[in-house]
């Protein structure tokens, strides 16, 4: 089946794409949604300017769709603009895990566009998904934090078995969603089994205010992957 994938650049959307390809879907289009404000209820905000570089690394064509970032209005805007694109697909892939807010709106988008949703992570235990993503070869860094227990030292950290173990301990202590679906933290994937080249950060800076922060990647490039 021909499919499009909602891709934020974060770990869950990339892992959902990986699972879809392994299931035999023909993914023809990556859909990048770019909210114009940082407090979007639905869509990833930090470092969306890097999404074209991510598409080049993966080797799948993309479309970028700007939305206002305003609650509910951004869904209407996405539906309208996707309809105008007339993408020849019948499935929409997304990486929702436990957020009923995201789940209901993805189903609404699919219903209005006559698409079948493919949500391979939905309903699974978030901590288990996080561990599985690392073991599957996703190399993701944390690009924003906004939760108790996650200080500025987490910005730019790579999610590996050691850091995930530490992160899950903090999540249990402070009641944080291990997937970060509530905005507790966000990620960007630099490498994965999907990548034909990995992304190398050339320059970045951190912004920190009132217990929350973001890693802004100013410049990045593609570099060859190490030979196995």
C-alpha atoms as a PDB file:
ATOM      1  CA  UNK A   1       0.000   0.000   0.000  1.00  0.00           C
ATOM      2  CA  UNK A   2       1.160   3.514  -0.789  1.00  0.00           C
ATOM      3  CA  UNK A   3       1.616   5.664   2.285  1.00  0.00           C
ATOM      4  CA  UNK A   4       2.636   9.083   3.532  1.00  0.00           C
ATOM      5  CA  UNK A   5       4.274   9.535   6.925  1.00  0.00           C
ATOM      6  CA  UNK A   6       3.852  12.382   9.394  1.00  0.00           C
ATOM      7  CA  UNK A   7       7.456  13.069  10.394  1.00  0.00           C
ATOM      8  CA  UNK A   8       8.543  15.489  13.113  1.00  0.00           C
ATOM      9  CA  UNK A   9      12.207  14.526  13.135  1.00  0.00           C
ATOM     10  CA  UNK A  10      11.748  12.924  16.544  1.00  0.00           C
ATOM     11  CA  UNK A  11      12.248   9.331  17.611  1.00  0.00           C
ATOM     12  CA  UNK A  12       8.639   8.100  17.568  1.00  0.00           C
ATOM     13  CA  UNK A  13       7.699   9.286  14.085  1.00  0.00           C
ATOM     14  CA  UNK A  14      10.946   7.889  12.640  1.00  0.00           C
ATOM     15  CA  UNK A  15      10.442   4.566  14.396  1.00  0.00           C
ATOM     16  CA  UNK A  16       6.863   4.344  13.111  1.00  0.00           C
ATOM     17  CA  UNK A  17       8.210   4.947   9.596  1.00  0.00           C
ATOM     18  CA  UNK A  18      10.834   2.226  10.052  1.00  0.00           C
ATOM     19  CA  UNK A  19       8.184  -0.266  11.201  1.00  0.00           C
ATOM     20  CA  UNK A  20       5.904   0.660   8.301  1.00  0.00           C
ATOM     21  CA  UNK A  21       8.658   0.022   5.771  1.00  0.00           C
ATOM     22  CA  UNK A  22       9.419  -3.302   7.423  1.00  0.00           C
ATOM     23  CA  UNK A  23       5.729  -4.178   7.115  1.00  0.00           C
ATOM     24  CA  UNK A  24       5.953  -3.641   3.369  1.00  0.00           C
ATOM     25  CA  UNK A  25       4.335  -0.218   2.943  1.00  0.00           C
ATOM     26  CA  UNK A  26       5.545   1.844  -0.007  1.00  0.00           C
ATOM     27  CA  UNK A  27       6.208   5.241   1.563  1.00  0.00           C
ATOM     28  CA  UNK A  28       6.182   7.858  -1.171  1.00  0.00           C
ATOM     29  CA  UNK A  29       6.025  11.062   0.867  1.00  0.00           C
ATOM     30  CA  UNK A  30       7.243  12.459   4.162  1.00  0.00           C
ATOM     31  CA  UNK A  31       4.883  15.101   5.536  1.00  0.00           C
ATOM     32  CA  UNK A  32       6.629  17.761   7.603  1.00  0.00           C
ATOM     33  CA  UNK A  33       4.270  19.960   9.611  1.00  0.00           C
ATOM     34  CA  UNK A  34       5.852  23.242  10.657  1.00  0.00           C
ATOM     35  CA  UNK A  35       3.918  25.100  13.375  1.00  0.00           C
ATOM     36  CA  UNK A  36       4.517  28.826  13.515  1.00  0.00           C
ATOM     37  CA  UNK A  37       4.486  28.897  17.315  1.00  0.00           C
ATOM     38  CA  UNK A  38       6.339  26.883  19.938  1.00  0.00           C
ATOM     39  CA  UNK A  39       3.281  25.904  22.002  1.00  0.00           C
ATOM     40  CA  UNK A  40       1.529  23.819  19.356  1.00  0.00           C
ATOM     41  CA  UNK A  41      -0.667  21.193  21.021  1.00  0.00           C
ATOM     42  CA  UNK A  42      -0.081  18.696  18.249  1.00  0.00           C
ATOM     43  CA  UNK A  43       3.152  19.228  16.374  1.00  0.00           C
ATOM     44  CA  UNK A  44       6.874  19.243  17.090  1.00  0.00           C
ATOM     45  CA  UNK A  45       8.435  22.724  17.002  1.00  0.00           C
ATOM     46  CA  UNK A  46      12.220  22.798  17.667  1.00  0.00           C
ATOM     47  CA  UNK A  47      14.549  22.516  14.668  1.00  0.00           C
ATOM     48  CA  UNK A  48      11.925  21.918  11.993  1.00  0.00           C
ATOM     49  CA  UNK A  49      14.215  23.805   9.592  1.00  0.00           C
ATOM     50  CA  UNK A  50      16.360  20.633   9.538  1.00  0.00           C
ATOM     51  CA  UNK A  51      13.600  18.430   8.157  1.00  0.00           C
ATOM     52  CA  UNK A  52      14.635  18.832   4.484  1.00  0.00           C
ATOM     53  CA  UNK A  53      18.109  17.619   5.487  1.00  0.00           C
ATOM     54  CA  UNK A  54      16.499  14.644   7.214  1.00  0.00           C
ATOM     55  CA  UNK A  55      14.514  13.825   4.067  1.00  0.00           C
ATOM     56  CA  UNK A  56      17.728  13.931   2.043  1.00  0.00           C
ATOM     57  CA  UNK A  57      19.406  11.613   4.560  1.00  0.00           C
ATOM     58  CA  UNK A  58      16.544   9.117   4.290  1.00  0.00           C
ATOM     59  CA  UNK A  59      16.004   9.488   0.558  1.00  0.00           C
ATOM     60  CA  UNK A  60      12.214   9.905   0.491  1.00  0.00           C
ATOM     61  CA  UNK A  61      10.518  12.967  -1.082  1.00  0.00           C
ATOM     62  CA  UNK A  62       8.848  15.390   1.299  1.00  0.00           C
ATOM     63  CA  UNK A  63       6.326  18.175   1.503  1.00  0.00           C
ATOM     64  CA  UNK A  64       6.435  20.911   4.152  1.00  0.00           C
ATOM     65  CA  UNK A  65       3.153  22.247   5.460  1.00  0.00           C
ATOM     66  CA  UNK A  66       3.174  25.384   7.617  1.00  0.00           C
ATOM     67  CA  UNK A  67       0.369  25.672  10.164  1.00  0.00           C
ATOM     68  CA  UNK A  68      -0.499  28.353  12.690  1.00  0.00           C
ATOM     69  CA  UNK A  69       0.168  26.203  15.751  1.00  0.00           C
ATOM     70  CA  UNK A  70      -3.186  27.253  17.218  1.00  0.00           C
ATOM     71  CA  UNK A  71      -5.195  24.502  18.892  1.00  0.00           C
ATOM     72  CA  UNK A  72      -7.658  22.814  16.482  1.00  0.00           C
ATOM     73  CA  UNK A  73      -7.092  25.433  13.800  1.00  0.00           C
ATOM     74  CA  UNK A  74      -3.753  23.777  12.985  1.00  0.00           C
ATOM     75  CA  UNK A  75      -5.573  20.499  12.286  1.00  0.00           C
ATOM     76  CA  UNK A  76      -8.002  22.219   9.913  1.00  0.00           C
ATOM     77  CA  UNK A  77      -5.070  23.869   8.141  1.00  0.00           C
ATOM     78  CA  UNK A  78      -3.222  20.578   7.758  1.00  0.00           C
ATOM     79  CA  UNK A  79      -6.272  18.809   6.330  1.00  0.00           C
ATOM     80  CA  UNK A  80      -6.933  21.629   3.872  1.00  0.00           C
ATOM     81  CA  UNK A  81      -3.332  21.789   2.669  1.00  0.00           C
ATOM     82  CA  UNK A  82      -2.917  18.021   2.424  1.00  0.00           C
ATOM     83  CA  UNK A  83      -6.109  17.830   0.376  1.00  0.00           C
ATOM     84  CA  UNK A  84      -4.736  20.492  -1.957  1.00  0.00           C
ATOM     85  CA  UNK A  85      -1.528  18.474  -2.443  1.00  0.00           C
ATOM     86  CA  UNK A  86      -3.526  15.532  -3.868  1.00  0.00           C
ATOM     87  CA  UNK A  87      -0.966  12.975  -2.705  1.00  0.00           C
ATOM     88  CA  UNK A  88      -1.627   9.573  -4.273  1.00  0.00           C
ATOM     89  CA  UNK A  89      -1.600   7.524  -1.064  1.00  0.00           C
ATOM     90  CA  UNK A  90      -4.166   5.591   0.932  1.00  0.00           C
ATOM     91  CA  UNK A  91      -2.374   5.275   4.298  1.00  0.00           C
ATOM     92  CA  UNK A  92      -1.075   7.842   6.788  1.00  0.00           C
ATOM     93  CA  UNK A  93       1.687   6.736   9.186  1.00  0.00           C
ATOM     94  CA  UNK A  94       2.152   8.422  12.562  1.00  0.00           C
ATOM     95  CA  UNK A  95       4.071   7.756  15.763  1.00  0.00           C
ATOM     96  CA  UNK A  96       1.473   8.355  18.484  1.00  0.00           C
ATOM     97  CA  UNK A  97       1.937   6.084  21.505  1.00  0.00           C
ATOM     98  CA  UNK A  98      -0.302   7.078  24.419  1.00  0.00           C
ATOM     99  CA  UNK A  99      -1.603  10.590  23.741  1.00  0.00           C
ATOM    100  CA  UNK A 100      -5.346  10.387  23.185  1.00  0.00           C
ATOM    101  CA  UNK A 101      -5.228  14.015  22.039  1.00  0.00           C
ATOM    102  CA  UNK A 102      -2.882  13.094  19.182  1.00  0.00           C
ATOM    103  CA  UNK A 103      -4.667   9.830  18.446  1.00  0.00           C
ATOM    104  CA  UNK A 104      -8.101  11.419  18.013  1.00  0.00           C
ATOM    105  CA  UNK A 105      -6.770  14.137  15.738  1.00  0.00           C
ATOM    106  CA  UNK A 106      -4.801  11.725  13.576  1.00  0.00           C
ATOM    107  CA  UNK A 107      -7.986   9.689  13.137  1.00  0.00           C
ATOM    108  CA  UNK A 108      -9.843  12.875  12.248  1.00  0.00           C
ATOM    109  CA  UNK A 109      -7.225  13.815   9.637  1.00  0.00           C
ATOM    110  CA  UNK A 110      -7.456  10.338   8.121  1.00  0.00           C
ATOM    111  CA  UNK A 111     -11.251  10.372   8.135  1.00  0.00           C
ATOM    112  CA  UNK A 112     -11.464  13.726   6.367  1.00  0.00           C
ATOM    113  CA  UNK A 113      -8.912  12.675   3.739  1.00  0.00           C
ATOM    114  CA  UNK A 114     -10.199   9.102   3.313  1.00  0.00           C
ATOM    115  CA  UNK A 115      -6.903   7.634   4.491  1.00  0.00           C
ATOM    116  CA  UNK A 116      -6.267   4.550   6.576  1.00  0.00           C
ATOM    117  CA  UNK A 117      -4.213   5.281   9.719  1.00  0.00           C
ATOM    118  CA  UNK A 118      -1.180   3.151  10.516  1.00  0.00           C
ATOM    119  CA  UNK A 119      -0.110   3.722  14.126  1.00  0.00           C
ATOM    120  CA  UNK A 120       2.258   0.862  14.985  1.00  0.00           C
ATOM    121  CA  UNK A 121       3.192   2.274  18.403  1.00  0.00           C
ATOM    122  CA  UNK A 122      -0.307   3.105  19.610  1.00  0.00           C
ATOM    123  CA  UNK A 123      -1.293   1.562  22.936  1.00  0.00           C
ATOM    124  CA  UNK A 124       2.149   0.196  23.694  1.00  0.00           C
ATOM    125  CA  UNK A 125       3.998   0.823  26.950  1.00  0.00           C
ATOM    126  CA  UNK A 126       6.000   4.055  26.386  1.00  0.00           C
ATOM    127  CA  UNK A 127       9.089   2.991  28.334  1.00  0.00           C
ATOM    128  CA  UNK A 128       9.315  -0.249  26.364  1.00  0.00           C
ATOM    129  CA  UNK A 129       9.006   1.654  23.086  1.00  0.00           C
ATOM    130  CA  UNK A 130      11.832   3.986  24.112  1.00  0.00           C
ATOM    131  CA  UNK A 131      14.140   1.071  24.901  1.00  0.00           C
ATOM    132  CA  UNK A 132      13.153  -0.650  21.669  1.00  0.00           C
ATOM    133  CA  UNK A 133      13.895   2.466  19.601  1.00  0.00           C
ATOM    134  CA  UNK A 134      17.443   2.621  20.931  1.00  0.00           C
ATOM    135  CA  UNK A 135      17.993  -1.092  20.337  1.00  0.00           C
ATOM    136  CA  UNK A 136      16.633  -0.710  16.792  1.00  0.00           C
ATOM    137  CA  UNK A 137      19.483   1.680  16.006  1.00  0.00           C
ATOM    138  CA  UNK A 138      17.871   5.107  16.279  1.00  0.00           C
ATOM    139  CA  UNK A 139      20.430   7.714  17.333  1.00  0.00           C
ATOM    140  CA  UNK A 140      18.388  10.573  18.765  1.00  0.00           C
ATOM    141  CA  UNK A 141      19.430  13.584  20.814  1.00  0.00           C
ATOM    142  CA  UNK A 142      17.269  15.525  23.236  1.00  0.00           C
ATOM    143  CA  UNK A 143      16.459  18.954  21.825  1.00  0.00           C
ATOM    144  CA  UNK A 144      14.106  20.337  24.469  1.00  0.00           C
ATOM    145  CA  UNK A 145      13.185  19.702  28.101  1.00  0.00           C
ATOM    146  CA  UNK A 146      10.282  21.032  30.139  1.00  0.00           C
ATOM    147  CA  UNK A 147       9.753  18.784  33.161  1.00  0.00           C
ATOM    148  CA  UNK A 148      10.931  18.345  36.737  1.00  0.00           C
ATOM    149  CA  UNK A 149      14.143  16.347  36.921  1.00  0.00           C
ATOM    150  CA  UNK A 150      15.300  17.238  33.411  1.00  0.00           C
ATOM    151  CA  UNK A 151      17.868  20.006  33.692  1.00  0.00           C
ATOM    152  CA  UNK A 152      19.922  21.736  31.020  1.00  0.00           C
ATOM    153  CA  UNK A 153      22.504  18.937  31.059  1.00  0.00           C
ATOM    154  CA  UNK A 154      19.999  16.822  29.110  1.00  0.00           C
ATOM    155  CA  UNK A 155      20.006  19.159  26.128  1.00  0.00           C
ATOM    156  CA  UNK A 156      22.047  17.565  23.358  1.00  0.00           C
ATOM    157  CA  UNK A 157      22.392  14.211  25.120  1.00  0.00           C
ATOM    158  CA  UNK A 158      22.179  11.111  22.968  1.00  0.00           C
ATOM    159  CA  UNK A 159      19.590   8.526  23.913  1.00  0.00           C
ATOM    160  CA  UNK A 160      21.496   5.289  24.427  1.00  0.00           C
ATOM    161  CA  UNK A 161      21.049   2.419  26.854  1.00  0.00           C
ATOM    162  CA  UNK A 162      22.758   4.265  29.720  1.00  0.00           C
ATOM    163  CA  UNK A 163      20.975   7.597  29.266  1.00  0.00           C
ATOM    164  CA  UNK A 164      17.614   5.871  28.731  1.00  0.00           C
ATOM    165  CA  UNK A 165      18.082   3.958  31.974  1.00  0.00           C
ATOM    166  CA  UNK A 166      18.753   7.263  33.758  1.00  0.00           C
ATOM    167  CA  UNK A 167      15.856   8.984  31.993  1.00  0.00           C
ATOM    168  CA  UNK A 168      13.387   6.268  32.957  1.00  0.00           C
ATOM    169  CA  UNK A 169      14.471   6.535  36.584  1.00  0.00           C
ATOM    170  CA  UNK A 170      13.714  10.280  36.482  1.00  0.00           C
ATOM    171  CA  UNK A 171      10.387   9.599  34.764  1.00  0.00           C
ATOM    172  CA  UNK A 172       9.332   7.205  37.513  1.00  0.00           C
ATOM    173  CA  UNK A 173      10.388   9.630  40.251  1.00  0.00           C
ATOM    174  CA  UNK A 174       8.617  12.672  38.806  1.00  0.00           C
ATOM    175  CA  UNK A 175       5.714  11.054  36.965  1.00  0.00           C
ATOM    176  CA  UNK A 176       6.977  12.033  33.516  1.00  0.00           C
ATOM    177  CA  UNK A 177       5.653  10.363  30.375  1.00  0.00           C
ATOM    178  CA  UNK A 178       8.645   8.284  29.180  1.00  0.00           C
ATOM    179  CA  UNK A 179       7.731   9.028  25.558  1.00  0.00           C
ATOM    180  CA  UNK A 180       7.742  12.789  26.117  1.00  0.00           C
ATOM    181  CA  UNK A 181       4.404  13.077  24.306  1.00  0.00           C
ATOM    182  CA  UNK A 182       3.231  15.835  26.620  1.00  0.00           C
ATOM    183  CA  UNK A 183       6.174  18.049  25.694  1.00  0.00           C
ATOM    184  CA  UNK A 184       8.264  16.898  28.667  1.00  0.00           C
ATOM    185  CA  UNK A 185      11.130  16.479  26.223  1.00  0.00           C
ATOM    186  CA  UNK A 186      11.608  16.358  22.464  1.00  0.00           C
ATOM    187  CA  UNK A 187      14.182  14.685  20.257  1.00  0.00           C
ATOM    188  CA  UNK A 188      15.799  14.818  16.844  1.00  0.00           C
ATOM    189  CA  UNK A 189      17.107  11.698  15.093  1.00  0.00           C
ATOM    190  CA  UNK A 190      20.609  12.031  13.659  1.00  0.00           C
ATOM    191  CA  UNK A 191      20.972   8.469  12.422  1.00  0.00           C
ATOM    192  CA  UNK A 192      18.951   5.274  12.068  1.00  0.00           C
ATOM    193  CA  UNK A 193      18.661   2.210   9.831  1.00  0.00           C
ATOM    194  CA  UNK A 194      16.639   4.497   7.523  1.00  0.00           C
ATOM    195  CA  UNK A 195      19.472   6.987   7.052  1.00  0.00           C
ATOM    196  CA  UNK A 196      21.678   6.646   3.996  1.00  0.00           C
ATOM    197  CA  UNK A 197      23.922   9.321   5.537  1.00  0.00           C
ATOM    198  CA  UNK A 198      24.009  10.518   9.111  1.00  0.00           C
ATOM    199  CA  UNK A 199      23.415  14.080  10.255  1.00  0.00           C
ATOM    200  CA  UNK A 200      26.299  15.867  11.955  1.00  0.00           C
ATOM    201  CA  UNK A 201      25.659  19.004  13.972  1.00  0.00           C
ATOM    202  CA  UNK A 202      28.130  21.760  13.128  1.00  0.00           C
ATOM    203  CA  UNK A 203      26.849  24.445  15.490  1.00  0.00           C
ATOM    204  CA  UNK A 204      24.114  24.709  18.099  1.00  0.00           C
ATOM    205  CA  UNK A 205      23.134  26.831  21.079  1.00  0.00           C
ATOM    206  CA  UNK A 206      20.992  26.361  24.149  1.00  0.00           C
ATOM    207  CA  UNK A 207      18.258  28.612  25.451  1.00  0.00           C
ATOM    208  CA  UNK A 208      17.110  28.200  29.058  1.00  0.00           C
ATOM    209  CA  UNK A 209      14.293  29.955  30.891  1.00  0.00           C
ATOM    210  CA  UNK A 210      12.336  29.144  34.044  1.00  0.00           C
ATOM    211  CA  UNK A 211      13.275  25.476  34.229  1.00  0.00           C
ATOM    212  CA  UNK A 212      12.810  24.682  30.547  1.00  0.00           C
ATOM    213  CA  UNK A 213      15.194  24.792  27.632  1.00  0.00           C
ATOM    214  CA  UNK A 214      15.795  24.058  23.990  1.00  0.00           C
ATOM    215  CA  UNK A 215      18.795  23.113  21.884  1.00  0.00           C
ATOM    216  CA  UNK A 216      18.662  25.148  18.687  1.00  0.00           C
ATOM    217  CA  UNK A 217      20.685  23.559  15.908  1.00  0.00           C
ATOM    218  CA  UNK A 218      21.987  26.379  13.743  1.00  0.00           C
ATOM    219  CA  UNK A 219      23.935  24.345  11.223  1.00  0.00           C
ATOM    220  CA  UNK A 220      24.132  20.675  10.303  1.00  0.00           C
ATOM    221  CA  UNK A 221      25.377  18.563   7.428  1.00  0.00           C
ATOM    222  CA  UNK A 222      25.230  15.039   6.045  1.00  0.00           C
ATOM    223  CA  UNK A 223      28.289  12.847   6.430  1.00  0.00           C
ATOM    224  CA  UNK A 224      28.933   9.268   5.279  1.00  0.00           C
ATOM    225  CA  UNK A 225      27.971   6.514   7.674  1.00  0.00           C
ATOM    226  CA  UNK A 226      30.809   4.408   9.081  1.00  0.00           C
ATOM    227  CA  UNK A 227      31.374   1.243   7.100  1.00  0.00           C
ATOM    228  CA  UNK A 228      30.312  -1.893   8.920  1.00  0.00           C
END
